[in-house]
Amino acid sequence: MRRILGAAAAFVLGGVPALAATDVMAGFYGNTVVVTGDAFQAHVHYRANHTLDVSGTASGQAFSTTGSWKIDDKGQICRSFKKTPPATPNPLCSEATAHKVGDTWTATAPTGSSRNLALVAGIQ
């Protein structure tokens, strides 16, 4: 019986790293996405429990909100906000791509303008 339970535990625990390795958002947890663009700056924090928070400025006006995120059946990350940030659709969906601390990339904002993103260490 011990052997069966031991084998079952090894199987279950052995699967955990594989699941973590396939989590496209794993590099974001505990870190900050800094988003900058024309008259726009925000800090976004994603959590493994599928919650997020955002704070920043848009056209000189401060904003902050919380919400949730999910990966949809198209492989996109979709964010739903309790209070929608300025000039942002709700939900906001975009391609889900894995990143690690130190990565920088660009994205097109819903307004059509370009935004620069950087994944930085820690909660900032």
PDB file of N, CA and C in Angstrom:
ATOM      1  N   MET A   1       0.821  -1.189   0.000  1.00  0.00           N
ATOM      2  CA  MET A   1       0.000   0.000   0.000  1.00  0.00           C
ATOM      3  C   MET A   1       0.869   1.258   0.000  1.00  0.00           C
ATOM      4  N   ARG A   2       1.947   1.254   0.824  1.00  0.00           N
ATOM      5  CA  ARG A   2       2.850   2.407   0.836  1.00  0.00           C
ATOM      6  C   ARG A   2       3.459   2.637  -0.537  1.00  0.00           C
ATOM      7  N   ARG A   3       3.811   1.548  -1.203  1.00  0.00           N
ATOM      8  CA  ARG A   3       4.425   1.660  -2.516  1.00  0.00           C
ATOM      9  C   ARG A   3       3.451   2.305  -3.507  1.00  0.00           C
ATOM     10  N   ILE A   4       2.194   1.929  -3.443  1.00  0.00           N
ATOM     11  CA  ILE A   4       1.178   2.494  -4.343  1.00  0.00           C
ATOM     12  C   ILE A   4       0.987   3.977  -4.041  1.00  0.00           C
ATOM     13  N   LEU A   5       0.872   4.332  -2.751  1.00  0.00           N
ATOM     14  CA  LEU A   5       0.706   5.739  -2.383  1.00  0.00           C
ATOM     15  C   LEU A   5       1.939   6.549  -2.764  1.00  0.00           C
ATOM     16  N   GLY A   6       3.114   5.987  -2.562  1.00  0.00           N
ATOM     17  CA  GLY A   6       4.353   6.671  -2.942  1.00  0.00           C
ATOM     18  C   GLY A   6       4.414   6.914  -4.437  1.00  0.00           C
ATOM     19  N   ALA A   7       4.034   5.914  -5.219  1.00  0.00           N
ATOM     20  CA  ALA A   7       4.038   6.049  -6.674  1.00  0.00           C
ATOM     21  C   ALA A   7       3.010   7.093  -7.109  1.00  0.00           C
ATOM     22  N   ALA A   8       1.839   7.083  -6.471  1.00  0.00           N
ATOM     23  CA  ALA A   8       0.802   8.061  -6.809  1.00  0.00           C
ATOM     24  C   ALA A   8       1.277   9.471  -6.476  1.00  0.00           C
ATOM     25  N   ALA A   9       1.912   9.648  -5.322  1.00  0.00           N
ATOM     26  CA  ALA A   9       2.414  10.968  -4.929  1.00  0.00           C
ATOM     27  C   ALA A   9       3.487  11.440  -5.903  1.00  0.00           C
ATOM     28  N   ALA A  10       4.386  10.560  -6.281  1.00  0.00           N
ATOM     29  CA  ALA A  10       5.450  10.925  -7.226  1.00  0.00           C
ATOM     30  C   ALA A  10       4.853  11.341  -8.564  1.00  0.00           C
ATOM     31  N   PHE A  11       3.804  10.641  -9.006  1.00  0.00           N
ATOM     32  CA  PHE A  11       3.161  10.969 -10.274  1.00  0.00           C
ATOM     33  C   PHE A  11       2.522  12.357 -10.201  1.00  0.00           C
ATOM     34  N   VAL A  12       1.777  12.614  -9.109  1.00  0.00           N
ATOM     35  CA  VAL A  12       1.090  13.895  -8.964  1.00  0.00           C
ATOM     36  C   VAL A  12       2.094  15.024  -8.829  1.00  0.00           C
ATOM     37  N   LEU A  13       3.073  14.875  -7.940  1.00  0.00           N
ATOM     38  CA  LEU A  13       4.052  15.931  -7.727  1.00  0.00           C
ATOM     39  C   LEU A  13       4.960  16.101  -8.939  1.00  0.00           C
ATOM     40  N   GLY A  14       5.220  15.033  -9.648  1.00  0.00           N
ATOM     41  CA  GLY A  14       6.041  15.113 -10.849  1.00  0.00           C
ATOM     42  C   GLY A  14       5.379  15.922 -11.937  1.00  0.00           C
ATOM     43  N   GLY A  15       4.060  15.991 -11.933  1.00  0.00           N
ATOM     44  CA  GLY A  15       3.336  16.752 -12.941  1.00  0.00           C
ATOM     45  C   GLY A  15       3.317  18.242 -12.679  1.00  0.00           C
ATOM     46  N   VAL A  16       3.569  18.662 -11.448  1.00  0.00           N
ATOM     47  CA  VAL A  16       3.501  20.076 -11.104  1.00  0.00           C
ATOM     48  C   VAL A  16       4.522  20.904 -11.879  1.00  0.00           C
ATOM     49  N   PRO A  17       5.800  20.531 -11.944  1.00  0.00           N
ATOM     50  CA  PRO A  17       6.731  21.342 -12.735  1.00  0.00           C
ATOM     51  C   PRO A  17       6.343  21.424 -14.202  1.00  0.00           C
ATOM     52  N   ALA A  18       5.780  20.375 -14.741  1.00  0.00           N
ATOM     53  CA  ALA A  18       5.369  20.407 -16.143  1.00  0.00           C
ATOM     54  C   ALA A  18       4.258  21.423 -16.343  1.00  0.00           C
ATOM     55  N   LEU A  19       3.317  21.488 -15.397  1.00  0.00           N
ATOM     56  CA  LEU A  19       2.252  22.474 -15.516  1.00  0.00           C
ATOM     57  C   LEU A  19       2.815  23.878 -15.420  1.00  0.00           C
ATOM     58  N   ALA A  20       3.731  24.125 -14.477  1.00  0.00           N
ATOM     59  CA  ALA A  20       4.324  25.444 -14.328  1.00  0.00           C
ATOM     60  C   ALA A  20       5.091  25.837 -15.586  1.00  0.00           C
ATOM     61  N   ALA A  21       5.755  24.886 -16.205  1.00  0.00           N
ATOM     62  CA  ALA A  21       6.547  25.175 -17.393  1.00  0.00           C
ATOM     63  C   ALA A  21       5.663  25.595 -18.566  1.00  0.00           C
ATOM     64  N   THR A  22       4.413  25.170 -18.596  1.00  0.00           N
ATOM     65  CA  THR A  22       3.526  25.519 -19.696  1.00  0.00           C
ATOM     66  C   THR A  22       2.703  26.774 -19.399  1.00  0.00           C
ATOM     67  N   ASP A  23       2.866  27.375 -18.227  1.00  0.00           N
ATOM     68  CA  ASP A  23       2.132  28.581 -17.860  1.00  0.00           C
ATOM     69  C   ASP A  23       2.806  29.780 -18.516  1.00  0.00           C
ATOM     70  N   VAL A  24       2.199  30.288 -19.572  1.00  0.00           N
ATOM     71  CA  VAL A  24       2.770  31.393 -20.335  1.00  0.00           C
ATOM     72  C   VAL A  24       2.943  32.640 -19.465  1.00  0.00           C
ATOM     73  N   MET A  25       2.230  32.735 -18.365  1.00  0.00           N
ATOM     74  CA  MET A  25       2.287  33.907 -17.498  1.00  0.00           C
ATOM     75  C   MET A  25       3.250  33.757 -16.323  1.00  0.00           C
ATOM     76  N   ALA A  26       3.887  32.621 -16.168  1.00  0.00           N
ATOM     77  CA  ALA A  26       4.717  32.340 -14.989  1.00  0.00           C
ATOM     78  C   ALA A  26       5.775  33.411 -14.737  1.00  0.00           C
ATOM     79  N   GLY A  27       6.390  33.957 -15.757  1.00  0.00           N
ATOM     80  CA  GLY A  27       7.422  34.976 -15.578  1.00  0.00           C
ATOM     81  C   GLY A  27       6.893  36.305 -15.065  1.00  0.00           C
ATOM     82  N   PHE A  28       5.584  36.510 -15.139  1.00  0.00           N
ATOM     83  CA  PHE A  28       4.985  37.776 -14.730  1.00  0.00           C
ATOM     84  C   PHE A  28       4.688  37.833 -13.229  1.00  0.00           C
ATOM     85  N   TYR A  29       4.450  36.689 -12.604  1.00  0.00           N
ATOM     86  CA  TYR A  29       4.028  36.666 -11.209  1.00  0.00           C
ATOM     87  C   TYR A  29       5.109  37.239 -10.302  1.00  0.00           C
ATOM     88  N   GLY A  30       4.723  38.183  -9.443  1.00  0.00           N
ATOM     89  CA  GLY A  30       5.661  38.803  -8.519  1.00  0.00           C
ATOM     90  C   GLY A  30       6.527  39.874  -9.147  1.00  0.00           C
ATOM     91  N   ASN A  31       6.258  40.207 -10.402  1.00  0.00           N
ATOM     92  CA  ASN A  31       7.030  41.208 -11.127  1.00  0.00           C
ATOM     93  C   ASN A  31       6.092  42.288 -11.675  1.00  0.00           C
ATOM     94  N   THR A  32       6.655  43.259 -12.364  1.00  0.00           N
ATOM     95  CA  THR A  32       5.874  44.396 -12.856  1.00  0.00           C
ATOM     96  C   THR A  32       6.070  44.565 -14.354  1.00  0.00           C
ATOM     97  N   VAL A  33       4.966  44.754 -15.065  1.00  0.00           N
ATOM     98  CA  VAL A  33       5.033  45.140 -16.479  1.00  0.00           C
ATOM     99  C   VAL A  33       4.901  46.664 -16.512  1.00  0.00           C
ATOM    100  N   VAL A  34       5.917  47.326 -17.024  1.00  0.00           N
ATOM    101  CA  VAL A  34       5.889  48.775 -17.169  1.00  0.00           C
ATOM    102  C   VAL A  34       5.515  49.073 -18.617  1.00  0.00           C
ATOM    103  N   VAL A  35       4.409  49.794 -18.789  1.00  0.00           N
ATOM    104  CA  VAL A  35       3.885  50.114 -20.116  1.00  0.00           C
ATOM    105  C   VAL A  35       4.023  51.621 -20.321  1.00  0.00           C
ATOM    106  N   THR A  36       4.658  52.021 -21.427  1.00  0.00           N
ATOM    107  CA  THR A  36       4.793  53.446 -21.730  1.00  0.00           C
ATOM    108  C   THR A  36       4.402  53.705 -23.179  1.00  0.00           C
ATOM    109  N   GLY A  37       3.869  54.872 -23.413  1.00  0.00           N
ATOM    110  CA  GLY A  37       3.474  55.287 -24.754  1.00  0.00           C
ATOM    111  C   GLY A  37       3.182  56.769 -24.739  1.00  0.00           C
ATOM    112  N   ASP A  38       2.673  57.297 -25.840  1.00  0.00           N
ATOM    113  CA  ASP A  38       2.336  58.716 -25.921  1.00  0.00           C
ATOM    114  C   ASP A  38       1.378  59.091 -24.793  1.00  0.00           C
ATOM    115  N   ALA A  39       1.849  59.932 -23.878  1.00  0.00           N
ATOM    116  CA  ALA A  39       1.038  60.434 -22.758  1.00  0.00           C
ATOM    117  C   ALA A  39       0.408  59.306 -21.935  1.00  0.00           C
ATOM    118  N   PHE A  40       1.074  58.137 -21.888  1.00  0.00           N
ATOM    119  CA  PHE A  40       0.541  56.997 -21.143  1.00  0.00           C
ATOM    120  C   PHE A  40       1.674  56.276 -20.434  1.00  0.00           C
ATOM    121  N   GLN A  41       1.442  55.917 -19.184  1.00  0.00           N
ATOM    122  CA  GLN A  41       2.399  55.137 -18.405  1.00  0.00           C
ATOM    123  C   GLN A  41       1.596  54.322 -17.408  1.00  0.00           C
ATOM    124  N   ALA A  42       1.921  53.038 -17.280  1.00  0.00           N
ATOM    125  CA  ALA A  42       1.208  52.186 -16.323  1.00  0.00           C
ATOM    126  C   ALA A  42       2.121  51.097 -15.790  1.00  0.00           C
ATOM    127  N   HIS A  43       1.808  50.636 -14.589  1.00  0.00           N
ATOM    128  CA  HIS A  43       2.463  49.486 -13.973  1.00  0.00           C
ATOM    129  C   HIS A  43       1.382  48.434 -13.767  1.00  0.00           C
ATOM    130  N   VAL A  44       1.640  47.225 -14.265  1.00  0.00           N
ATOM    131  CA  VAL A  44       0.664  46.138 -14.210  1.00  0.00           C
ATOM    132  C   VAL A  44       1.274  44.976 -13.443  1.00  0.00           C
ATOM    133  N   HIS A  45       0.481  44.398 -12.534  1.00  0.00           N
ATOM    134  CA  HIS A  45       0.913  43.245 -11.740  1.00  0.00           C
ATOM    135  C   HIS A  45      -0.078  42.101 -11.954  1.00  0.00           C
ATOM    136  N   TYR A  46       0.441  40.980 -12.463  1.00  0.00           N
ATOM    137  CA  TYR A  46      -0.370  39.779 -12.674  1.00  0.00           C
ATOM    138  C   TYR A  46      -0.088  38.796 -11.546  1.00  0.00           C
ATOM    139  N   ARG A  47      -1.126  38.101 -11.107  1.00  0.00           N
ATOM    140  CA  ARG A  47      -0.978  37.088 -10.062  1.00  0.00           C
ATOM    141  C   ARG A  47      -1.437  35.726 -10.574  1.00  0.00           C
ATOM    142  N   ALA A  48      -0.866  34.683  -9.991  1.00  0.00           N
ATOM    143  CA  ALA A  48      -1.191  33.312 -10.396  1.00  0.00           C
ATOM    144  C   ALA A  48      -2.660  32.974 -10.150  1.00  0.00           C
ATOM    145  N   ASN A  49      -3.326  33.689  -9.246  1.00  0.00           N
ATOM    146  CA  ASN A  49      -4.746  33.422  -8.976  1.00  0.00           C
ATOM    147  C   ASN A  49      -5.672  34.125  -9.972  1.00  0.00           C
ATOM    148  N   HIS A  50      -5.094  34.621 -11.075  1.00  0.00           N
ATOM    149  CA  HIS A  50      -5.820  35.256 -12.176  1.00  0.00           C
ATOM    150  C   HIS A  50      -6.402  36.620 -11.821  1.00  0.00           C
ATOM    151  N   THR A  51      -5.777  37.317 -10.874  1.00  0.00           N
ATOM    152  CA  THR A  51      -6.138  38.705 -10.588  1.00  0.00           C
ATOM    153  C   THR A  51      -5.006  39.600 -11.077  1.00  0.00           C
ATOM    154  N   LEU A  52      -5.313  40.881 -11.221  1.00  0.00           N
ATOM    155  CA  LEU A  52      -4.317  41.860 -11.639  1.00  0.00           C
ATOM    156  C   LEU A  52      -4.666  43.206 -11.040  1.00  0.00           C
ATOM    157  N   ASP A  53      -3.670  44.095 -11.025  1.00  0.00           N
ATOM    158  CA  ASP A  53      -3.933  45.492 -10.701  1.00  0.00           C
ATOM    159  C   ASP A  53      -3.103  46.350 -11.641  1.00  0.00           C
ATOM    160  N   VAL A  54      -3.624  47.545 -11.908  1.00  0.00           N
ATOM    161  CA  VAL A  54      -2.990  48.482 -12.834  1.00  0.00           C
ATOM    162  C   VAL A  54      -3.051  49.864 -12.213  1.00  0.00           C
ATOM    163  N   SER A  55      -1.949  50.616 -12.294  1.00  0.00           N
ATOM    164  CA  SER A  55      -1.959  52.023 -11.893  1.00  0.00           C
ATOM    165  C   SER A  55      -1.061  52.787 -12.846  1.00  0.00           C
ATOM    166  N   GLY A  56      -1.428  54.053 -13.077  1.00  0.00           N
ATOM    167  CA  GLY A  56      -0.620  54.849 -13.986  1.00  0.00           C
ATOM    168  C   GLY A  56      -1.232  56.195 -14.266  1.00  0.00           C
ATOM    169  N   THR A  57      -0.792  56.775 -15.381  1.00  0.00           N
ATOM    170  CA  THR A  57      -1.332  58.050 -15.830  1.00  0.00           C
ATOM    171  C   THR A  57      -1.627  57.975 -17.326  1.00  0.00           C
ATOM    172  N   ALA A  58      -2.666  58.680 -17.730  1.00  0.00           N
ATOM    173  CA  ALA A  58      -3.039  58.795 -19.142  1.00  0.00           C
ATOM    174  C   ALA A  58      -3.405  60.251 -19.370  1.00  0.00           C
ATOM    175  N   SER A  59      -2.690  60.884 -20.277  1.00  0.00           N
ATOM    176  CA  SER A  59      -2.898  62.307 -20.567  1.00  0.00           C
ATOM    177  C   SER A  59      -2.872  63.145 -19.288  1.00  0.00           C
ATOM    178  N   GLY A  60      -1.950  62.815 -18.395  1.00  0.00           N
ATOM    179  CA  GLY A  60      -1.772  63.580 -17.161  1.00  0.00           C
ATOM    180  C   GLY A  60      -2.747  63.247 -16.043  1.00  0.00           C
ATOM    181  N   GLN A  61      -3.671  62.338 -16.285  1.00  0.00           N
ATOM    182  CA  GLN A  61      -4.655  61.977 -15.266  1.00  0.00           C
ATOM    183  C   GLN A  61      -4.301  60.618 -14.662  1.00  0.00           C
ATOM    184  N   ALA A  62      -4.229  60.542 -13.341  1.00  0.00           N
ATOM    185  CA  ALA A  62      -3.907  59.287 -12.661  1.00  0.00           C
ATOM    186  C   ALA A  62      -5.105  58.342 -12.715  1.00  0.00           C
ATOM    187  N   PHE A  63      -4.815  57.049 -12.789  1.00  0.00           N
ATOM    188  CA  PHE A  63      -5.860  56.029 -12.732  1.00  0.00           C
ATOM    189  C   PHE A  63      -5.316  54.795 -12.035  1.00  0.00           C
ATOM    190  N   SER A  64      -6.214  54.000 -11.504  1.00  0.00           N
ATOM    191  CA  SER A  64      -5.846  52.690 -10.956  1.00  0.00           C
ATOM    192  C   SER A  64      -7.089  51.814 -10.978  1.00  0.00           C
ATOM    193  N   THR A  65      -6.855  50.528 -11.121  1.00  0.00           N
ATOM    194  CA  THR A  65      -7.962  49.589 -11.149  1.00  0.00           C
ATOM    195  C   THR A  65      -7.454  48.195 -10.814  1.00  0.00           C
ATOM    196  N   THR A  66      -8.380  47.327 -10.578  1.00  0.00           N
ATOM    197  CA  THR A  66      -8.087  45.911 -10.378  1.00  0.00           C
ATOM    198  C   THR A  66      -8.929  45.128 -11.374  1.00  0.00           C
ATOM    199  N   GLY A  67      -8.660  43.859 -11.463  1.00  0.00           N
ATOM    200  CA  GLY A  67      -9.448  43.038 -12.366  1.00  0.00           C
ATOM    201  C   GLY A  67      -8.967  41.609 -12.372  1.00  0.00           C
ATOM    202  N   SER A  68      -9.289  40.930 -13.450  1.00  0.00           N
ATOM    203  CA  SER A  68      -8.906  39.523 -13.587  1.00  0.00           C
ATOM    204  C   SER A  68      -8.385  39.297 -15.004  1.00  0.00           C
ATOM    205  N   TRP A  69      -7.699  38.166 -15.168  1.00  0.00           N
ATOM    206  CA  TRP A  69      -7.182  37.800 -16.480  1.00  0.00           C
ATOM    207  C   TRP A  69      -7.395  36.311 -16.705  1.00  0.00           C
ATOM    208  N   LYS A  70      -7.436  35.938 -17.995  1.00  0.00           N
ATOM    209  CA  LYS A  70      -7.529  34.519 -18.365  1.00  0.00           C
ATOM    210  C   LYS A  70      -6.916  34.347 -19.743  1.00  0.00           C
ATOM    211  N   ILE A  71      -6.501  33.133 -20.032  1.00  0.00           N
ATOM    212  CA  ILE A  71      -6.056  32.783 -21.380  1.00  0.00           C
ATOM    213  C   ILE A  71      -7.266  32.151 -22.061  1.00  0.00           C
ATOM    214  N   ASP A  72      -7.707  32.742 -23.160  1.00  0.00           N
ATOM    215  CA  ASP A  72      -8.901  32.232 -23.834  1.00  0.00           C
ATOM    216  C   ASP A  72      -8.558  31.077 -24.772  1.00  0.00           C
ATOM    217  N   ASP A  73      -9.573  30.544 -25.433  1.00  0.00           N
ATOM    218  CA  ASP A  73      -9.377  29.379 -26.305  1.00  0.00           C
ATOM    219  C   ASP A  73      -8.595  29.704 -27.576  1.00  0.00           C
ATOM    220  N   LYS A  74      -8.322  30.994 -27.835  1.00  0.00           N
ATOM    221  CA  LYS A  74      -7.500  31.404 -28.974  1.00  0.00           C
ATOM    222  C   LYS A  74      -6.042  31.616 -28.561  1.00  0.00           C
ATOM    223  N   GLY A  75      -5.748  31.389 -27.270  1.00  0.00           N
ATOM    224  CA  GLY A  75      -4.394  31.601 -26.774  1.00  0.00           C
ATOM    225  C   GLY A  75      -4.082  33.055 -26.469  1.00  0.00           C
ATOM    226  N   GLN A  76      -5.115  33.864 -26.332  1.00  0.00           N
ATOM    227  CA  GLN A  76      -4.936  35.272 -26.004  1.00  0.00           C
ATOM    228  C   GLN A  76      -5.102  35.485 -24.509  1.00  0.00           C
ATOM    229  N   ILE A  77      -4.406  36.483 -23.974  1.00  0.00           N
ATOM    230  CA  ILE A  77      -4.666  36.895 -22.607  1.00  0.00           C
ATOM    231  C   ILE A  77      -5.759  37.954 -22.664  1.00  0.00           C
ATOM    232  N   CYS A  78      -6.812  37.735 -21.904  1.00  0.00           N
ATOM    233  CA  CYS A  78      -7.926  38.677 -21.851  1.00  0.00           C
ATOM    234  C   CYS A  78      -8.024  39.225 -20.435  1.00  0.00           C
ATOM    235  N   ARG A  79      -7.964  40.553 -20.333  1.00  0.00           N
ATOM    236  CA  ARG A  79      -8.035  41.226 -19.049  1.00  0.00           C
ATOM    237  C   ARG A  79      -9.402  41.883 -18.916  1.00  0.00           C
ATOM    238  N   SER A  80     -10.044  41.684 -17.780  1.00  0.00           N
ATOM    239  CA  SER A  80     -11.321  42.331 -17.478  1.00  0.00           C
ATOM    240  C   SER A  80     -11.089  43.247 -16.287  1.00  0.00           C
ATOM    241  N   PHE A  81     -11.477  44.507 -16.409  1.00  0.00           N
ATOM    242  CA  PHE A  81     -11.209  45.511 -15.392  1.00  0.00           C
ATOM    243  C   PHE A  81     -12.468  45.879 -14.620  1.00  0.00           C
ATOM    244  N   LYS A  82     -12.318  46.136 -13.308  1.00  0.00           N
ATOM    245  CA  LYS A  82     -13.449  46.623 -12.521  1.00  0.00           C
ATOM    246  C   LYS A  82     -13.786  48.052 -12.926  1.00  0.00           C
ATOM    247  N   LYS A  83     -12.749  48.854 -13.153  1.00  0.00           N
ATOM    248  CA  LYS A  83     -12.911  50.218 -13.661  1.00  0.00           C
ATOM    249  C   LYS A  83     -11.987  50.315 -14.869  1.00  0.00           C
ATOM    250  N   THR A  84     -12.544  50.535 -16.033  1.00  0.00           N
ATOM    251  CA  THR A  84     -11.774  50.488 -17.275  1.00  0.00           C
ATOM    252  C   THR A  84     -10.760  51.634 -17.357  1.00  0.00           C
ATOM    253  N   PRO A  85      -9.475  51.312 -17.605  1.00  0.00           N
ATOM    254  CA  PRO A  85      -8.481  52.371 -17.817  1.00  0.00           C
ATOM    255  C   PRO A  85      -8.851  53.221 -19.028  1.00  0.00           C
ATOM    256  N   PRO A  86      -8.364  54.479 -19.082  1.00  0.00           N
ATOM    257  CA  PRO A  86      -8.687  55.373 -20.200  1.00  0.00           C
ATOM    258  C   PRO A  86      -8.353  54.763 -21.567  1.00  0.00           C
ATOM    259  N   ALA A  87      -9.250  54.958 -22.523  1.00  0.00           N
ATOM    260  CA  ALA A  87      -9.068  54.532 -23.923  1.00  0.00           C
ATOM    261  C   ALA A  87      -8.724  53.054 -24.047  1.00  0.00           C
ATOM    262  N   THR A  88      -9.327  52.224 -23.202  1.00  0.00           N
ATOM    263  CA  THR A  88      -9.053  50.785 -23.190  1.00  0.00           C
ATOM    264  C   THR A  88     -10.368  50.022 -23.287  1.00  0.00           C
ATOM    265  N   PRO A  89     -10.475  49.058 -24.199  1.00  0.00           N
ATOM    266  CA  PRO A  89     -11.681  48.227 -24.233  1.00  0.00           C
ATOM    267  C   PRO A  89     -11.714  47.296 -23.020  1.00  0.00           C
ATOM    268  N   ASN A  90     -12.895  46.887 -22.659  1.00  0.00           N
ATOM    269  CA  ASN A  90     -13.066  45.977 -21.519  1.00  0.00           C
ATOM    270  C   ASN A  90     -14.019  44.863 -21.924  1.00  0.00           C
ATOM    271  N   PRO A  91     -13.514  43.636 -22.112  1.00  0.00           N
ATOM    272  CA  PRO A  91     -12.157  43.162 -21.818  1.00  0.00           C
ATOM    273  C   PRO A  91     -11.164  43.583 -22.896  1.00  0.00           C
ATOM    274  N   LEU A  92      -9.892  43.533 -22.519  1.00  0.00           N
ATOM    275  CA  LEU A  92      -8.782  43.819 -23.426  1.00  0.00           C
ATOM    276  C   LEU A  92      -8.045  42.518 -23.677  1.00  0.00           C
ATOM    277  N   CYS A  93      -8.067  42.039 -24.920  1.00  0.00           N
ATOM    278  CA  CYS A  93      -7.414  40.774 -25.273  1.00  0.00           C
ATOM    279  C   CYS A  93      -6.259  41.029 -26.233  1.00  0.00           C
ATOM    280  N   SER A  94      -5.183  40.287 -26.042  1.00  0.00           N
ATOM    281  CA  SER A  94      -4.025  40.364 -26.928  1.00  0.00           C
ATOM    282  C   SER A  94      -3.299  39.027 -26.890  1.00  0.00           C
ATOM    283  N   GLU A  95      -2.357  38.848 -27.796  1.00  0.00           N
ATOM    284  CA  GLU A  95      -1.599  37.601 -27.853  1.00  0.00           C
ATOM    285  C   GLU A  95      -0.883  37.357 -26.528  1.00  0.00           C
ATOM    286  N   ALA A  96      -1.000  36.156 -26.003  1.00  0.00           N
ATOM    287  CA  ALA A  96      -0.299  35.779 -24.770  1.00  0.00           C
ATOM    288  C   ALA A  96       1.073  35.232 -25.139  1.00  0.00           C
ATOM    289  N   THR A  97       2.105  35.898 -24.658  1.00  0.00           N
ATOM    290  CA  THR A  97       3.474  35.509 -24.954  1.00  0.00           C
ATOM    291  C   THR A  97       4.271  35.449 -23.665  1.00  0.00           C
ATOM    292  N   ALA A  98       5.012  34.384 -23.468  1.00  0.00           N
ATOM    293  CA  ALA A  98       5.842  34.251 -22.270  1.00  0.00           C
ATOM    294  C   ALA A  98       6.976  35.271 -22.306  1.00  0.00           C
ATOM    295  N   HIS A  99       7.298  35.831 -21.149  1.00  0.00           N
ATOM    296  CA  HIS A  99       8.418  36.759 -21.001  1.00  0.00           C
ATOM    297  C   HIS A  99       9.110  36.493 -19.686  1.00  0.00           C
ATOM    298  N   LYS A 100      10.342  36.977 -19.583  1.00  0.00           N
ATOM    299  CA  LYS A 100      11.095  36.869 -18.338  1.00  0.00           C
ATOM    300  C   LYS A 100      11.591  38.263 -17.969  1.00  0.00           C
ATOM    301  N   VAL A 101      11.957  38.437 -16.696  1.00  0.00           N
ATOM    302  CA  VAL A 101      12.465  39.719 -16.227  1.00  0.00           C
ATOM    303  C   VAL A 101      13.607  40.160 -17.133  1.00  0.00           C
ATOM    304  N   GLY A 102      13.551  41.422 -17.541  1.00  0.00           N
ATOM    305  CA  GLY A 102      14.555  41.994 -18.439  1.00  0.00           C
ATOM    306  C   GLY A 102      14.081  42.096 -19.871  1.00  0.00           C
ATOM    307  N   ASP A 103      13.018  41.371 -20.233  1.00  0.00           N
ATOM    308  CA  ASP A 103      12.489  41.439 -21.597  1.00  0.00           C
ATOM    309  C   ASP A 103      11.822  42.785 -21.851  1.00  0.00           C
ATOM    310  N   THR A 104      11.948  43.273 -23.075  1.00  0.00           N
ATOM    311  CA  THR A 104      11.213  44.449 -23.540  1.00  0.00           C
ATOM    312  C   THR A 104      10.573  44.091 -24.879  1.00  0.00           C
ATOM    313  N   TRP A 105       9.415  44.669 -25.156  1.00  0.00           N
ATOM    314  CA  TRP A 105       8.724  44.415 -26.412  1.00  0.00           C
ATOM    315  C   TRP A 105       7.770  45.571 -26.689  1.00  0.00           C
ATOM    316  N   THR A 106       7.215  45.613 -27.876  1.00  0.00           N
ATOM    317  CA  THR A 106       6.250  46.650 -28.234  1.00  0.00           C
ATOM    318  C   THR A 106       4.917  45.996 -28.556  1.00  0.00           C
ATOM    319  N   ALA A 107       3.871  46.773 -28.388  1.00  0.00           N
ATOM    320  CA  ALA A 107       2.519  46.318 -28.689  1.00  0.00           C
ATOM    321  C   ALA A 107       1.740  47.508 -29.233  1.00  0.00           C
ATOM    322  N   THR A 108       0.687  47.221 -29.938  1.00  0.00           N
ATOM    323  CA  THR A 108      -0.184  48.274 -30.445  1.00  0.00           C
ATOM    324  C   THR A 108      -1.339  48.450 -29.476  1.00  0.00           C
ATOM    325  N   ALA A 109      -1.522  49.671 -29.024  1.00  0.00           N
ATOM    326  CA  ALA A 109      -2.612  49.997 -28.102  1.00  0.00           C
ATOM    327  C   ALA A 109      -3.940  49.968 -28.845  1.00  0.00           C
ATOM    328  N   PRO A 110      -5.057  49.864 -28.116  1.00  0.00           N
ATOM    329  CA  PRO A 110      -6.374  49.893 -28.766  1.00  0.00           C
ATOM    330  C   PRO A 110      -6.597  51.147 -29.602  1.00  0.00           C
ATOM    331  N   THR A 111      -5.903  52.233 -29.272  1.00  0.00           N
ATOM    332  CA  THR A 111      -6.035  53.477 -30.032  1.00  0.00           C
ATOM    333  C   THR A 111      -5.217  53.462 -31.315  1.00  0.00           C
ATOM    334  N   GLY A 112      -4.392  52.409 -31.494  1.00  0.00           N
ATOM    335  CA  GLY A 112      -3.552  52.303 -32.680  1.00  0.00           C
ATOM    336  C   GLY A 112      -2.138  52.796 -32.460  1.00  0.00           C
ATOM    337  N   SER A 113      -1.893  53.444 -31.334  1.00  0.00           N
ATOM    338  CA  SER A 113      -0.538  53.929 -31.058  1.00  0.00           C
ATOM    339  C   SER A 113       0.326  52.782 -30.529  1.00  0.00           C
ATOM    340  N   SER A 114       1.622  52.991 -30.575  1.00  0.00           N
ATOM    341  CA  SER A 114       2.572  51.974 -30.132  1.00  0.00           C
ATOM    342  C   SER A 114       2.844  52.140 -28.639  1.00  0.00           C
ATOM    343  N   ARG A 115       2.963  51.027 -27.942  1.00  0.00           N
ATOM    344  CA  ARG A 115       3.307  51.038 -26.524  1.00  0.00           C
ATOM    345  C   ARG A 115       4.544  50.186 -26.318  1.00  0.00           C
ATOM    346  N   ASN A 116       5.454  50.646 -25.470  1.00  0.00           N
ATOM    347  CA  ASN A 116       6.634  49.897 -25.088  1.00  0.00           C
ATOM    348  C   ASN A 116       6.361  49.220 -23.757  1.00  0.00           C
ATOM    349  N   LEU A 117       6.730  47.953 -23.671  1.00  0.00           N
ATOM    350  CA  LEU A 117       6.521  47.195 -22.444  1.00  0.00           C
ATOM    351  C   LEU A 117       7.861  46.623 -21.978  1.00  0.00           C
ATOM    352  N   ALA A 118       8.021  46.563 -20.658  1.00  0.00           N
ATOM    353  CA  ALA A 118       9.216  45.980 -20.059  1.00  0.00           C
ATOM    354  C   ALA A 118       8.788  45.180 -18.838  1.00  0.00           C
ATOM    355  N   LEU A 119       9.334  43.999 -18.668  1.00  0.00           N
ATOM    356  CA  LEU A 119       9.069  43.193 -17.487  1.00  0.00           C
ATOM    357  C   LEU A 119      10.236  43.402 -16.537  1.00  0.00           C
ATOM    358  N   VAL A 120       9.949  44.036 -15.392  1.00  0.00           N
ATOM    359  CA  VAL A 120      10.988  44.351 -14.418  1.00  0.00           C
ATOM    360  C   VAL A 120      10.773  43.555 -13.127  1.00  0.00           C
ATOM    361  N   ALA A 121      11.847  43.336 -12.407  1.00  0.00           N
ATOM    362  CA  ALA A 121      11.802  42.509 -11.201  1.00  0.00           C
ATOM    363  C   ALA A 121      11.043  43.189 -10.077  1.00  0.00           C
ATOM    364  N   GLY A 122      10.248  42.397  -9.381  1.00  0.00           N
ATOM    365  CA  GLY A 122       9.543  42.862  -8.194  1.00  0.00           C
ATOM    366  C   GLY A 122       8.309  43.678  -8.478  1.00  0.00           C
ATOM    367  N   ILE A 123       7.648  44.032  -7.400  1.00  0.00           N
ATOM    368  CA  ILE A 123       6.433  44.855  -7.482  1.00  0.00           C
ATOM    369  C   ILE A 123       6.857  46.308  -7.367  1.00  0.00           C
ATOM    370  N   GLN A 124       6.641  47.060  -8.426  1.00  0.00           N
ATOM    371  CA  GLN A 124       7.035  48.474  -8.459  1.00  0.00           C
ATOM    372  C   GLN A 124       5.836  49.346  -8.759  1.00  0.00           C
TER     373      GLN A 124
END
